[in-house]
Amino acid sequence: MKDVRKTSSFLTPWLCVGALLLGGCTHELTIENLDTYRPFGGANLDKPLRIGIASDAYDPEHKRLLDGVASALSGYSATVTMPYVPNNPKEVDVVARIDIKTEHNGSGGNFWINFPGFLVFAPAWHGYGYEVKHTIKCELTKPGSKEAFDQFQLPVTLDIRHAAINRTWTEVSWFEVGIIALVGGFVFMDYDQSVTPLVSEKVETPLGKYVAQEIVKRINATGKFAHRQDDLPGLATLKSPTQ
């Protein structure tokens, strides 16, 4: 009985230390350069328009970004139909065809963050580094036309920092010679797929506005959708009385 008590009194402090190490060694997701893609100010459409968004996006990451674009356009005087398909029963004035391609990259620097970085809790105060690169292409057409009246491409590269228990558990190397953190360092140079939904949630609104503002700017620049004088309420053409 005394041996059990001794073992318990010995293990308890170490278990507490381990729990503190694992629980405290996390880094909330941050995107270091997100402000680069935040539109400041912003303009509405010259005239309220009906815009259809067409896309072949099928994965949750791209769908969420498109949701952000649709929501932002709604705030810039547009009535949005998404997804828009040819012969859609809902009439639109402009079709925005949006295609998104994405790369997810890890970082060789994550090796050093994990080993020997675990000694100074680097995953907690620095986080592992990742990169998400979107290439967003948009073609603007009138419904029924195959020829775009404008098109653009927006490259977006997000510099991400994050650390969670699925990787920081290797800091148990504090209790051995460091082999676990060493091997983990090699593994963690790859991208962590669990980061993707967190990034999508964080960028949906700012990137949605970023893309939507470019669409609005391009549409306004054509001058084809501006208010005509007889569109404006309260204005009438004054004619001289017949003599």
C-alpha atoms as a PDB file:
ATOM      1  CA  MET A   1       0.000   0.000   0.000  1.00  0.00           C
ATOM      2  CA  LYS A   2       2.848   2.337   0.850  1.00  0.00           C
ATOM      3  CA  ASP A   3       4.472   1.582  -2.536  1.00  0.00           C
ATOM      4  CA  VAL A   4       1.262   2.547  -4.347  1.00  0.00           C
ATOM      5  CA  ARG A   5       1.089   5.832  -2.460  1.00  0.00           C
ATOM      6  CA  LYS A   6       4.726   6.571  -3.242  1.00  0.00           C
ATOM      7  CA  THR A   7       4.198   5.836  -6.934  1.00  0.00           C
ATOM      8  CA  SER A   8       1.056   7.979  -6.997  1.00  0.00           C
ATOM      9  CA  SER A   9       2.741  10.906  -5.231  1.00  0.00           C
ATOM     10  CA  PHE A  10       5.633  10.649  -7.694  1.00  0.00           C
ATOM     11  CA  LEU A  11       3.521  10.476 -10.863  1.00  0.00           C
ATOM     12  CA  THR A  12       0.924  13.115  -9.990  1.00  0.00           C
ATOM     13  CA  PRO A  13       3.224  16.175 -10.291  1.00  0.00           C
ATOM     14  CA  TRP A  14       4.639  14.905 -13.581  1.00  0.00           C
ATOM     15  CA  LEU A  15       1.176  14.266 -14.988  1.00  0.00           C
ATOM     16  CA  CYS A  16       0.187  17.804 -14.034  1.00  0.00           C
ATOM     17  CA  VAL A  17       3.281  19.219 -15.702  1.00  0.00           C
ATOM     18  CA  GLY A  18       2.530  17.170 -18.826  1.00  0.00           C
ATOM     19  CA  ALA A  19      -1.052  18.431 -18.931  1.00  0.00           C
ATOM     20  CA  LEU A  20       0.121  22.028 -18.609  1.00  0.00           C
ATOM     21  CA  LEU A  21       2.681  21.572 -21.367  1.00  0.00           C
ATOM     22  CA  LEU A  22       0.200  20.031 -23.775  1.00  0.00           C
ATOM     23  CA  GLY A  23      -2.700  22.308 -22.878  1.00  0.00           C
ATOM     24  CA  GLY A  24      -0.661  25.496 -23.048  1.00  0.00           C
ATOM     25  CA  CYS A  25       1.270  24.727 -26.208  1.00  0.00           C
ATOM     26  CA  THR A  26      -1.300  25.879 -28.715  1.00  0.00           C
ATOM     27  CA  HIS A  27      -1.313  28.885 -31.021  1.00  0.00           C
ATOM     28  CA  GLU A  28      -4.611  30.354 -32.183  1.00  0.00           C
ATOM     29  CA  LEU A  29      -4.833  30.612 -35.949  1.00  0.00           C
ATOM     30  CA  THR A  30      -3.563  33.915 -37.282  1.00  0.00           C
ATOM     31  CA  ILE A  31      -3.125  35.130 -40.855  1.00  0.00           C
ATOM     32  CA  GLU A  32      -0.179  37.470 -40.800  1.00  0.00           C
ATOM     33  CA  ASN A  33      -0.986  39.303 -44.034  1.00  0.00           C
ATOM     34  CA  LEU A  34      -4.791  39.249 -44.113  1.00  0.00           C
ATOM     35  CA  ASP A  35      -4.977  43.062 -44.029  1.00  0.00           C
ATOM     36  CA  THR A  36      -3.346  43.055 -47.477  1.00  0.00           C
ATOM     37  CA  TYR A  37      -6.620  41.708 -48.845  1.00  0.00           C
ATOM     38  CA  ARG A  38      -9.053  43.859 -46.884  1.00  0.00           C
ATOM     39  CA  PRO A  39     -10.733  46.445 -49.139  1.00  0.00           C
ATOM     40  CA  PHE A  40     -10.840  49.819 -47.437  1.00  0.00           C
ATOM     41  CA  GLY A  41     -13.779  52.023 -48.261  1.00  0.00           C
ATOM     42  CA  GLY A  42     -15.549  50.421 -51.166  1.00  0.00           C
ATOM     43  CA  ALA A  43     -18.081  51.594 -53.707  1.00  0.00           C
ATOM     44  CA  ASN A  44     -21.559  50.429 -54.609  1.00  0.00           C
ATOM     45  CA  LEU A  45     -22.689  49.563 -58.084  1.00  0.00           C
ATOM     46  CA  ASP A  46     -23.635  52.627 -60.102  1.00  0.00           C
ATOM     47  CA  LYS A  47     -27.044  51.041 -60.510  1.00  0.00           C
ATOM     48  CA  PRO A  48     -28.679  48.150 -58.596  1.00  0.00           C
ATOM     49  CA  LEU A  49     -28.112  45.023 -60.667  1.00  0.00           C
ATOM     50  CA  ARG A  50     -29.010  41.355 -60.650  1.00  0.00           C
ATOM     51  CA  ILE A  51     -25.809  39.308 -60.666  1.00  0.00           C
ATOM     52  CA  GLY A  52     -25.574  35.561 -61.162  1.00  0.00           C
ATOM     53  CA  ILE A  53     -22.528  33.716 -59.811  1.00  0.00           C
ATOM     54  CA  ALA A  54     -21.543  30.634 -61.798  1.00  0.00           C
ATOM     55  CA  SER A  55     -18.804  28.247 -60.664  1.00  0.00           C
ATOM     56  CA  ASP A  56     -17.711  24.630 -60.746  1.00  0.00           C
ATOM     57  CA  ALA A  57     -16.587  24.815 -57.111  1.00  0.00           C
ATOM     58  CA  TYR A  58     -17.446  21.624 -55.255  1.00  0.00           C
ATOM     59  CA  ASP A  59     -15.266  21.540 -52.140  1.00  0.00           C
ATOM     60  CA  PRO A  60     -16.276  23.294 -48.887  1.00  0.00           C
ATOM     61  CA  GLU A  61     -13.271  25.638 -48.947  1.00  0.00           C
ATOM     62  CA  HIS A  62     -14.196  27.181 -52.304  1.00  0.00           C
ATOM     63  CA  LYS A  63     -17.924  27.169 -51.614  1.00  0.00           C
ATOM     64  CA  ARG A  64     -17.377  29.160 -48.455  1.00  0.00           C
ATOM     65  CA  LEU A  65     -15.305  31.736 -50.319  1.00  0.00           C
ATOM     66  CA  LEU A  66     -18.059  32.059 -52.927  1.00  0.00           C
ATOM     67  CA  ASP A  67     -20.579  32.560 -50.119  1.00  0.00           C
ATOM     68  CA  GLY A  68     -18.435  35.473 -48.959  1.00  0.00           C
ATOM     69  CA  VAL A  69     -18.428  36.993 -52.455  1.00  0.00           C
ATOM     70  CA  ALA A  70     -22.208  36.647 -52.786  1.00  0.00           C
ATOM     71  CA  SER A  71     -22.811  38.181 -49.362  1.00  0.00           C
ATOM     72  CA  ALA A  72     -20.502  41.121 -50.120  1.00  0.00           C
ATOM     73  CA  LEU A  73     -22.127  41.811 -53.503  1.00  0.00           C
ATOM     74  CA  SER A  74     -25.511  41.919 -51.786  1.00  0.00           C
ATOM     75  CA  GLY A  75     -24.153  44.757 -49.697  1.00  0.00           C
ATOM     76  CA  TYR A  76     -23.037  46.662 -52.813  1.00  0.00           C
ATOM     77  CA  SER A  77     -26.541  47.056 -54.338  1.00  0.00           C
ATOM     78  CA  ALA A  78     -26.696  43.688 -56.093  1.00  0.00           C
ATOM     79  CA  THR A  79     -29.351  41.001 -56.026  1.00  0.00           C
ATOM     80  CA  VAL A  80     -27.386  37.759 -56.225  1.00  0.00           C
ATOM     81  CA  THR A  81     -28.370  34.394 -57.677  1.00  0.00           C
ATOM     82  CA  MET A  82     -25.993  31.551 -56.753  1.00  0.00           C
ATOM     83  CA  PRO A  83     -25.437  29.096 -58.216  1.00  0.00           C
ATOM     84  CA  TYR A  84     -26.374  30.529 -61.590  1.00  0.00           C
ATOM     85  CA  VAL A  85     -26.784  28.148 -64.523  1.00  0.00           C
ATOM     86  CA  PRO A  86     -27.683  28.912 -68.150  1.00  0.00           C
ATOM     87  CA  ASN A  87     -31.429  29.212 -68.760  1.00  0.00           C
ATOM     88  CA  ASN A  88     -31.919  29.958 -65.090  1.00  0.00           C
ATOM     89  CA  PRO A  89     -35.514  31.031 -64.524  1.00  0.00           C
ATOM     90  CA  LYS A  90     -34.279  34.011 -62.526  1.00  0.00           C
ATOM     91  CA  GLU A  91     -33.248  36.832 -64.839  1.00  0.00           C
ATOM     92  CA  VAL A  92     -29.907  38.532 -64.236  1.00  0.00           C
ATOM     93  CA  ASP A  93     -28.083  41.507 -65.728  1.00  0.00           C
ATOM     94  CA  VAL A  94     -24.538  40.171 -65.314  1.00  0.00           C
ATOM     95  CA  VAL A  95     -23.052  36.693 -64.956  1.00  0.00           C
ATOM     96  CA  ALA A  96     -19.851  36.413 -62.911  1.00  0.00           C
ATOM     97  CA  ARG A  97     -18.075  33.158 -63.711  1.00  0.00           C
ATOM     98  CA  ILE A  98     -15.661  32.499 -60.820  1.00  0.00           C
ATOM     99  CA  ASP A  99     -13.042  29.741 -60.840  1.00  0.00           C
ATOM    100  CA  ILE A 100     -10.756  29.118 -57.856  1.00  0.00           C
ATOM    101  CA  LYS A 101      -7.601  27.037 -57.705  1.00  0.00           C
ATOM    102  CA  THR A 102      -5.834  26.512 -54.384  1.00  0.00           C
ATOM    103  CA  GLU A 103      -2.481  25.225 -53.158  1.00  0.00           C
ATOM    104  CA  HIS A 104      -1.762  24.256 -49.546  1.00  0.00           C
ATOM    105  CA  ASN A 105       1.892  24.318 -48.519  1.00  0.00           C
ATOM    106  CA  GLY A 106       3.744  23.447 -45.354  1.00  0.00           C
ATOM    107  CA  SER A 107       7.095  24.913 -44.337  1.00  0.00           C
ATOM    108  CA  GLY A 108      10.572  23.534 -43.778  1.00  0.00           C
ATOM    109  CA  GLY A 109      10.832  25.981 -40.886  1.00  0.00           C
ATOM    110  CA  ASN A 110       8.329  23.870 -38.961  1.00  0.00           C
ATOM    111  CA  PHE A 111      11.108  21.365 -38.330  1.00  0.00           C
ATOM    112  CA  TRP A 112      13.034  23.915 -36.272  1.00  0.00           C
ATOM    113  CA  ILE A 113       9.853  25.081 -34.530  1.00  0.00           C
ATOM    114  CA  ASN A 114       9.336  21.525 -33.317  1.00  0.00           C
ATOM    115  CA  PHE A 115      12.970  20.578 -32.737  1.00  0.00           C
ATOM    116  CA  PRO A 116      14.734  22.018 -30.884  1.00  0.00           C
ATOM    117  CA  GLY A 117      11.969  24.652 -30.614  1.00  0.00           C
ATOM    118  CA  PHE A 118      10.011  22.489 -28.173  1.00  0.00           C
ATOM    119  CA  LEU A 119      12.629  23.387 -25.547  1.00  0.00           C
ATOM    120  CA  VAL A 120      11.433  27.016 -25.549  1.00  0.00           C
ATOM    121  CA  PHE A 121       7.772  26.250 -26.389  1.00  0.00           C
ATOM    122  CA  ALA A 122       8.144  27.709 -29.901  1.00  0.00           C
ATOM    123  CA  PRO A 123       4.933  26.086 -31.240  1.00  0.00           C
ATOM    124  CA  ALA A 124       2.952  28.061 -28.640  1.00  0.00           C
ATOM    125  CA  TRP A 125       4.390  31.547 -29.182  1.00  0.00           C
ATOM    126  CA  HIS A 126       5.269  31.266 -32.882  1.00  0.00           C
ATOM    127  CA  GLY A 127       3.001  28.568 -34.284  1.00  0.00           C
ATOM    128  CA  TYR A 128       3.725  26.313 -37.224  1.00  0.00           C
ATOM    129  CA  GLY A 129       3.867  28.103 -40.555  1.00  0.00           C
ATOM    130  CA  TYR A 130       1.651  27.291 -43.522  1.00  0.00           C
ATOM    131  CA  GLU A 131       0.795  28.896 -46.843  1.00  0.00           C
ATOM    132  CA  VAL A 132      -2.543  28.870 -48.670  1.00  0.00           C
ATOM    133  CA  LYS A 133      -2.470  30.203 -52.224  1.00  0.00           C
ATOM    134  CA  HIS A 134      -5.689  30.999 -54.085  1.00  0.00           C
ATOM    135  CA  THR A 135      -5.831  31.938 -57.753  1.00  0.00           C
ATOM    136  CA  ILE A 136      -9.243  33.510 -58.334  1.00  0.00           C
ATOM    137  CA  LYS A 137     -10.329  34.024 -61.934  1.00  0.00           C
ATOM    138  CA  CYS A 138     -13.497  35.875 -62.875  1.00  0.00           C
ATOM    139  CA  GLU A 139     -15.195  36.453 -66.225  1.00  0.00           C
ATOM    140  CA  LEU A 140     -18.039  38.942 -66.509  1.00  0.00           C
ATOM    141  CA  THR A 141     -20.576  38.383 -69.258  1.00  0.00           C
ATOM    142  CA  LYS A 142     -24.094  39.358 -70.145  1.00  0.00           C
ATOM    143  CA  PRO A 143     -26.559  36.451 -69.914  1.00  0.00           C
ATOM    144  CA  GLY A 144     -26.711  34.486 -73.138  1.00  0.00           C
ATOM    145  CA  SER A 145     -23.334  35.775 -74.324  1.00  0.00           C
ATOM    146  CA  LYS A 146     -20.211  33.644 -74.542  1.00  0.00           C
ATOM    147  CA  GLU A 147     -17.903  36.644 -74.814  1.00  0.00           C
ATOM    148  CA  ALA A 148     -16.748  38.300 -71.613  1.00  0.00           C
ATOM    149  CA  PHE A 149     -16.968  42.074 -71.453  1.00  0.00           C
ATOM    150  CA  ASP A 150     -14.286  41.989 -68.732  1.00  0.00           C
ATOM    151  CA  GLN A 151     -12.166  39.465 -66.874  1.00  0.00           C
ATOM    152  CA  PHE A 152      -9.539  39.495 -64.155  1.00  0.00           C
ATOM    153  CA  GLN A 153      -7.354  37.263 -62.003  1.00  0.00           C
ATOM    154  CA  LEU A 154      -6.558  37.817 -58.335  1.00  0.00           C
ATOM    155  CA  PRO A 155      -3.621  35.973 -56.727  1.00  0.00           C
ATOM    156  CA  VAL A 156      -3.989  35.561 -52.959  1.00  0.00           C
ATOM    157  CA  THR A 157      -1.202  34.157 -50.767  1.00  0.00           C
ATOM    158  CA  LEU A 158      -2.024  33.741 -47.082  1.00  0.00           C
ATOM    159  CA  ASP A 159       0.763  33.529 -44.479  1.00  0.00           C
ATOM    160  CA  ILE A 160      -0.634  31.379 -41.667  1.00  0.00           C
ATOM    161  CA  ARG A 161       0.451  30.564 -38.122  1.00  0.00           C
ATOM    162  CA  HIS A 162      -1.233  27.840 -36.082  1.00  0.00           C
ATOM    163  CA  ALA A 163      -0.529  25.096 -33.578  1.00  0.00           C
ATOM    164  CA  ALA A 164      -2.919  22.595 -32.002  1.00  0.00           C
ATOM    165  CA  ILE A 165      -2.692  19.527 -29.825  1.00  0.00           C
ATOM    166  CA  ASN A 166      -2.631  17.214 -32.864  1.00  0.00           C
ATOM    167  CA  ARG A 167       0.971  18.372 -33.357  1.00  0.00           C
ATOM    168  CA  THR A 168       2.135  19.934 -30.118  1.00  0.00           C
ATOM    169  CA  TRP A 169       1.723  16.635 -28.266  1.00  0.00           C
ATOM    170  CA  THR A 170       5.284  15.872 -29.411  1.00  0.00           C
ATOM    171  CA  GLU A 171       6.474  18.265 -26.728  1.00  0.00           C
ATOM    172  CA  VAL A 172       6.398  15.237 -24.439  1.00  0.00           C
ATOM    173  CA  SER A 173      10.034  15.152 -25.568  1.00  0.00           C
ATOM    174  CA  TRP A 174      10.572  17.188 -22.398  1.00  0.00           C
ATOM    175  CA  PHE A 175      10.361  13.810 -20.636  1.00  0.00           C
ATOM    176  CA  GLU A 176      12.786  11.919 -22.889  1.00  0.00           C
ATOM    177  CA  VAL A 177      15.843  12.657 -25.016  1.00  0.00           C
ATOM    178  CA  GLY A 178      13.984  14.550 -27.778  1.00  0.00           C
ATOM    179  CA  ILE A 179      13.532  11.782 -30.370  1.00  0.00           C
ATOM    180  CA  ILE A 180       9.747  12.288 -30.549  1.00  0.00           C
ATOM    181  CA  ALA A 181      10.104  16.002 -31.294  1.00  0.00           C
ATOM    182  CA  LEU A 182      12.875  15.287 -33.790  1.00  0.00           C
ATOM    183  CA  VAL A 183      10.777  12.814 -35.791  1.00  0.00           C
ATOM    184  CA  GLY A 184       7.699  15.044 -35.432  1.00  0.00           C
ATOM    185  CA  GLY A 185       9.670  17.940 -36.878  1.00  0.00           C
ATOM    186  CA  PHE A 186      10.162  16.069 -40.141  1.00  0.00           C
ATOM    187  CA  VAL A 187       6.470  15.128 -40.303  1.00  0.00           C
ATOM    188  CA  PHE A 188       5.213  18.618 -39.486  1.00  0.00           C
ATOM    189  CA  MET A 189       6.986  20.218 -42.423  1.00  0.00           C
ATOM    190  CA  ASP A 190       3.903  19.128 -44.382  1.00  0.00           C
ATOM    191  CA  TYR A 191       0.650  21.082 -44.428  1.00  0.00           C
ATOM    192  CA  ASP A 192      -1.871  20.335 -41.664  1.00  0.00           C
ATOM    193  CA  GLN A 193      -5.248  19.644 -43.337  1.00  0.00           C
ATOM    194  CA  SER A 194      -7.106  20.450 -40.117  1.00  0.00           C
ATOM    195  CA  VAL A 195      -6.131  24.109 -40.627  1.00  0.00           C
ATOM    196  CA  THR A 196      -8.205  24.469 -43.829  1.00  0.00           C
ATOM    197  CA  PRO A 197     -11.689  24.943 -42.275  1.00  0.00           C
ATOM    198  CA  LEU A 198     -10.257  27.395 -39.750  1.00  0.00           C
ATOM    199  CA  VAL A 199      -8.733  29.476 -42.548  1.00  0.00           C
ATOM    200  CA  SER A 200     -11.957  29.331 -44.573  1.00  0.00           C
ATOM    201  CA  GLU A 201     -13.946  30.685 -41.641  1.00  0.00           C
ATOM    202  CA  LYS A 202     -11.510  33.524 -41.061  1.00  0.00           C
ATOM    203  CA  VAL A 203     -11.196  34.684 -44.691  1.00  0.00           C
ATOM    204  CA  GLU A 204     -14.788  34.246 -45.895  1.00  0.00           C
ATOM    205  CA  THR A 205     -15.814  37.858 -45.218  1.00  0.00           C
ATOM    206  CA  PRO A 206     -12.608  39.808 -46.020  1.00  0.00           C
ATOM    207  CA  LEU A 207     -11.724  37.831 -49.169  1.00  0.00           C
ATOM    208  CA  GLY A 208     -15.370  37.850 -50.222  1.00  0.00           C
ATOM    209  CA  LYS A 209     -15.352  41.648 -50.056  1.00  0.00           C
ATOM    210  CA  TYR A 210     -11.988  41.773 -51.809  1.00  0.00           C
ATOM    211  CA  VAL A 211     -13.296  39.836 -54.819  1.00  0.00           C
ATOM    212  CA  ALA A 212     -16.705  41.548 -54.788  1.00  0.00           C
ATOM    213  CA  GLN A 213     -15.129  45.008 -54.851  1.00  0.00           C
ATOM    214  CA  GLU A 214     -13.131  44.067 -57.931  1.00  0.00           C
ATOM    215  CA  ILE A 215     -16.318  42.861 -59.626  1.00  0.00           C
ATOM    216  CA  VAL A 216     -18.106  46.105 -58.754  1.00  0.00           C
ATOM    217  CA  LYS A 217     -15.174  48.192 -59.974  1.00  0.00           C
ATOM    218  CA  ARG A 218     -15.043  46.350 -63.304  1.00  0.00           C
ATOM    219  CA  ILE A 219     -18.795  46.606 -63.883  1.00  0.00           C
ATOM    220  CA  ASN A 220     -18.881  50.316 -63.060  1.00  0.00           C
ATOM    221  CA  ALA A 221     -15.875  50.961 -65.326  1.00  0.00           C
ATOM    222  CA  THR A 222     -17.752  49.701 -68.401  1.00  0.00           C
ATOM    223  CA  GLY A 223     -20.325  52.484 -68.127  1.00  0.00           C
ATOM    224  CA  LYS A 224     -22.878  50.075 -69.578  1.00  0.00           C
ATOM    225  CA  PHE A 225     -24.867  49.733 -66.401  1.00  0.00           C
ATOM    226  CA  ALA A 226     -24.958  53.326 -65.163  1.00  0.00           C
ATOM    227  CA  HIS A 227     -28.217  55.084 -64.373  1.00  0.00           C
ATOM    228  CA  ARG A 228     -29.911  56.699 -67.305  1.00  0.00           C
ATOM    229  CA  GLN A 229     -31.675  59.972 -66.673  1.00  0.00           C
ATOM    230  CA  ASP A 230     -35.112  58.404 -67.069  1.00  0.00           C
ATOM    231  CA  ASP A 231     -34.170  55.706 -64.530  1.00  0.00           C
ATOM    232  CA  LEU A 232     -33.870  58.268 -61.756  1.00  0.00           C
ATOM    233  CA  PRO A 233     -37.089  58.896 -59.822  1.00  0.00           C
ATOM    234  CA  GLY A 234     -38.341  62.457 -59.551  1.00  0.00           C
ATOM    235  CA  LEU A 235     -36.571  63.660 -62.677  1.00  0.00           C
ATOM    236  CA  ALA A 236     -38.450  64.547 -65.831  1.00  0.00           C
ATOM    237  CA  THR A 237     -37.339  65.945 -69.105  1.00  0.00           C
ATOM    238  CA  LEU A 238     -38.461  69.524 -69.415  1.00  0.00           C
ATOM    239  CA  LYS A 239     -39.782  70.421 -72.801  1.00  0.00           C
ATOM    240  CA  SER A 240     -40.361  73.895 -74.120  1.00  0.00           C
ATOM    241  CA  PRO A 241     -44.047  74.681 -74.743  1.00  0.00           C
ATOM    242  CA  THR A 242     -45.081  74.635 -78.356  1.00  0.00           C
ATOM    243  CA  GLN A 243     -45.278  78.121 -79.687  1.00  0.00           C
END
